[in-house]
C-alpha atoms as a PDB file:
ATOM      1  CA  MET A   1      92.959 122.022 119.311  1.00  0.00           C
ATOM      2  CA  ARG A   2      91.457 122.242 122.818  1.00  0.00           C
ATOM      3  CA  GLU A   3      93.212 120.823 126.226  1.00  0.00           C
ATOM      4  CA  ILE A   4      91.792 117.570 127.747  1.00  0.00           C
ATOM      5  CA  PRO A   5      89.975 118.617 130.988  1.00  0.00           C
ATOM      6  CA  ILE A   6      90.746 119.011 134.466  1.00  0.00           C
ATOM      7  CA  GLN A   7      88.494 116.488 135.436  1.00  0.00           C
ATOM      8  CA  TYR A   8      90.401 113.166 132.996  1.00  0.00           C
ATOM      9  CA  GLN A   9      93.639 114.290 134.065  1.00  0.00           C
ATOM     10  CA  ILE A  10      92.929 113.590 137.346  1.00  0.00           C
ATOM     11  CA  ALA A  11      91.219 110.814 136.738  1.00  0.00           C
ATOM     12  CA  CYS A  12      94.483 109.131 134.564  1.00  0.00           C
ATOM     13  CA  VAL A  13      97.048 110.414 136.929  1.00  0.00           C
ATOM     14  CA  ILE A  14      95.015 108.721 139.968  1.00  0.00           C
ATOM     15  CA  LEU A  15      94.572 105.345 137.843  1.00  0.00           C
ATOM     16  CA  THR A  16      98.092 105.235 137.126  1.00  0.00           C
ATOM     17  CA  ALA A  17      99.280 105.573 140.820  1.00  0.00           C
ATOM     18  CA  LEU A  18      96.654 102.531 141.844  1.00  0.00           C
ATOM     19  CA  PHE A  19      97.829 100.668 138.498  1.00  0.00           C
ATOM     20  CA  ILE A  20     101.991 101.269 139.337  1.00  0.00           C
ATOM     21  CA  TRP A  21     100.529 100.223 143.253  1.00  0.00           C
ATOM     22  CA  SER A  22      98.465  97.350 142.639  1.00  0.00           C
ATOM     23  CA  PHE A  23     101.050  96.300 140.187  1.00  0.00           C
ATOM     24  CA  SER A  24     104.278  96.450 142.427  1.00  0.00           C
ATOM     25  CA  ILE A  25     102.110  94.639 145.343  1.00  0.00           C
ATOM     26  CA  ALA A  26     101.160  91.187 142.980  1.00  0.00           C
ATOM     27  CA  ARG A  27     104.659  91.769 141.934  1.00  0.00           C
ATOM     28  CA  GLU A  28     106.189  91.664 144.942  1.00  0.00           C
ATOM     29  CA  PRO A  29     103.319  90.154 148.003  1.00  0.00           C
ATOM     30  CA  ARG A  30     105.572  89.101 150.896  1.00  0.00           C
ATOM     31  CA  GLY A  31     106.908  92.480 151.290  1.00  0.00           C
ATOM     32  CA  TRP A  32     103.794  94.177 151.214  1.00  0.00           C
ATOM     33  CA  ARG A  33     101.937  91.723 153.018  1.00  0.00           C
ATOM     34  CA  ARG A  34     105.204  92.175 156.228  1.00  0.00           C
ATOM     35  CA  LEU A  35     104.358  95.480 156.459  1.00  0.00           C
ATOM     36  CA  PHE A  36     100.209  94.849 156.770  1.00  0.00           C
ATOM     37  CA  GLN A  37     100.911  92.245 159.697  1.00  0.00           C
ATOM     38  CA  SER A  38     103.211  94.189 161.364  1.00  0.00           C
ATOM     39  CA  MET A  39     101.285  97.380 161.517  1.00  0.00           C
ATOM     40  CA  PHE A  40      97.608  95.503 161.566  1.00  0.00           C
ATOM     41  CA  SER A  41      97.583  91.865 163.403  1.00  0.00           C
ATOM     42  CA  LYS A  42      98.148  90.297 166.350  1.00  0.00           C
ATOM     43  CA  SER A  43     100.834  88.652 166.812  1.00  0.00           C
ATOM     44  CA  GLU A  44      99.687  85.672 166.382  1.00  0.00           C
ATOM     45  CA  THR A  45     101.624  82.197 165.761  1.00  0.00           C
ATOM     46  CA  PHE A  46     103.813  82.051 162.955  1.00  0.00           C
ATOM     47  CA  SER A  47     102.138  79.875 160.069  1.00  0.00           C
ATOM     48  CA  VAL A  48     104.444  79.732 156.496  1.00  0.00           C
ATOM     49  CA  ASN A  49     101.902  77.712 155.247  1.00  0.00           C
ATOM     50  CA  LYS A  50      99.590  80.738 156.104  1.00  0.00           C
ATOM     51  CA  ASN A  51     101.387  83.009 154.878  1.00  0.00           C
ATOM     52  CA  LYS A  52     102.606  81.379 151.563  1.00  0.00           C
ATOM     53  CA  VAL A  53      98.533  80.823 150.969  1.00  0.00           C
ATOM     54  CA  ILE A  54      98.087  84.918 151.426  1.00  0.00           C
ATOM     55  CA  ASP A  55     100.867  85.791 149.608  1.00  0.00           C
ATOM     56  CA  GLU A  56      99.454  83.476 146.397  1.00  0.00           C
ATOM     57  CA  ALA A  57      96.386  85.326 146.347  1.00  0.00           C
ATOM     58  CA  LEU A  58      97.751  88.810 146.975  1.00  0.00           C
ATOM     59  CA  LYS A  59      99.378  87.789 143.704  1.00  0.00           C
ATOM     60  CA  ARG A  60      96.334  86.171 141.691  1.00  0.00           C
ATOM     61  CA  TYR A  61      93.851  89.191 142.667  1.00  0.00           C
ATOM     62  CA  GLY A  62      96.420  92.116 143.108  1.00  0.00           C
ATOM     63  CA  ILE A  63      97.242  90.722 138.485  1.00  0.00           C
ATOM     64  CA  VAL A  64      93.547  90.900 137.938  1.00  0.00           C
ATOM     65  CA  ILE A  65      92.889  94.418 139.959  1.00  0.00           C
ATOM     66  CA  ALA A  66      96.138  95.728 138.224  1.00  0.00           C
ATOM     67  CA  MET A  67      95.293  94.616 134.673  1.00  0.00           C
ATOM     68  CA  VAL A  68      91.094  96.327 135.844  1.00  0.00           C
ATOM     69  CA  ILE A  69      92.546  99.847 136.740  1.00  0.00           C
ATOM     70  CA  LEU A  70      95.011  99.950 133.436  1.00  0.00           C
ATOM     71  CA  VAL A  71      92.042  99.396 131.326  1.00  0.00           C
ATOM     72  CA  ALA A  72      89.716 102.280 133.130  1.00  0.00           C
ATOM     73  CA  ASP A  73      93.353 104.318 133.167  1.00  0.00           C
ATOM     74  CA  VAL A  74      93.709 103.935 129.149  1.00  0.00           C
ATOM     75  CA  SER A  75      89.499 104.349 128.341  1.00  0.00           C
ATOM     76  CA  CYS A  76      90.281 107.362 130.364  1.00  0.00           C
ATOM     77  CA  PHE A  77      93.345 108.716 128.297  1.00  0.00           C
ATOM     78  CA  VAL A  78      91.117 108.104 125.371  1.00  0.00           C
ATOM     79  CA  MET A  79      88.318 109.837 125.933  1.00  0.00           C
ATOM     80  CA  GLY A  80      90.355 112.582 127.440  1.00  0.00           C
ATOM     81  CA  VAL A  81      92.230 112.869 124.067  1.00  0.00           C
ATOM     82  CA  THR A  82      89.270 112.768 122.469  1.00  0.00           C
ATOM     83  CA  TYR A  83      86.983 114.906 124.046  1.00  0.00           C
ATOM     84  CA  PRO A  84      87.623 118.045 122.241  1.00  0.00           C
ATOM     85  CA  PHE A  85      86.896 116.079 119.037  1.00  0.00           C
ATOM     86  CA  ARG A  86      83.212 114.810 120.424  1.00  0.00           C
ATOM     87  CA  GLU A  87      82.181 118.069 121.861  1.00  0.00           C
ATOM     88  CA  LYS A  88      82.811 119.866 118.271  1.00  0.00           C
ATOM     89  CA  LEU A  89      80.662 116.852 116.933  1.00  0.00           C
ATOM     90  CA  ARG A  90      78.215 117.989 119.481  1.00  0.00           C
ATOM     91  CA  ALA A  91      78.071 121.301 118.211  1.00  0.00           C
ATOM     92  CA  LEU A  92      77.232 120.574 114.898  1.00  0.00           C
ATOM     93  CA  THR A  93      73.718 121.196 113.880  1.00  0.00           C
ATOM     94  CA  PRO A  94      71.126 119.162 111.780  1.00  0.00           C
ATOM     95  CA  ASP A  95      72.042 120.153 108.534  1.00  0.00           C
ATOM     96  CA  GLN A  96      75.797 120.229 108.885  1.00  0.00           C
ATOM     97  CA  ARG A  97      75.599 116.576 110.000  1.00  0.00           C
ATOM     98  CA  GLU A  98      73.634 115.483 107.110  1.00  0.00           C
ATOM     99  CA  SER A  99      76.285 117.269 104.814  1.00  0.00           C
ATOM    100  CA  MET A 100      79.475 115.748 106.456  1.00  0.00           C
ATOM    101  CA  LEU A 101      77.556 112.343 106.543  1.00  0.00           C
ATOM    102  CA  GLU A 102      77.501 112.730 102.322  1.00  0.00           C
ATOM    103  CA  ILE A 103      81.380 113.695 102.094  1.00  0.00           C
ATOM    104  CA  ASN A 104      82.072 111.267 104.105  1.00  0.00           C
ATOM    105  CA  LYS A 105      79.607 108.356 101.731  1.00  0.00           C
ATOM    106  CA  VAL A 106      81.465 109.968  99.142  1.00  0.00           C
ATOM    107  CA  LYS A 107      84.456 109.264 100.568  1.00  0.00           C
ATOM    108  CA  ASN A 108      84.742 106.113 101.315  1.00  0.00           C
ATOM    109  CA  ASN A 109      82.683 105.173  97.635  1.00  0.00           C
ATOM    110  CA  THR A 110      86.029 107.349  95.903  1.00  0.00           C
ATOM    111  CA  ILE A 111      88.396 104.574  97.594  1.00  0.00           C
ATOM    112  CA  THR A 112      86.607 101.490  97.322  1.00  0.00           C
ATOM    113  CA  SER A 113      86.037 101.992  93.636  1.00  0.00           C
ATOM    114  CA  PRO A 114      88.268 100.074  91.310  1.00  0.00           C
ATOM    115  CA  LEU A 115      90.461 101.585  89.493  1.00  0.00           C
ATOM    116  CA  PRO A 116      89.719 102.080  85.470  1.00  0.00           C
END
């Protein structure tokens, strides 16, 4: 069996890291908001309500973004695992494909036919 191409491996590693990062932000938004505010925002007046709104938005959008990244990660993993099989099917000649379709039809008929 051929191994998974490097493109799929790299994409899976990057997507997994992005998922873990975005999920950790969504799980504990207060620490990430404070880190961002300490690094990038000007010293403004402290507003508890504003910070709560920011934390809630981080939670809401963070979970959605994390789940989208997780779906992309799983899709990439499945594409990588099935790559050798797809390449094998792509390399078949039309005659080989026709005979394979006939074999599958016979197999399906024997499975679905009732026993005598």
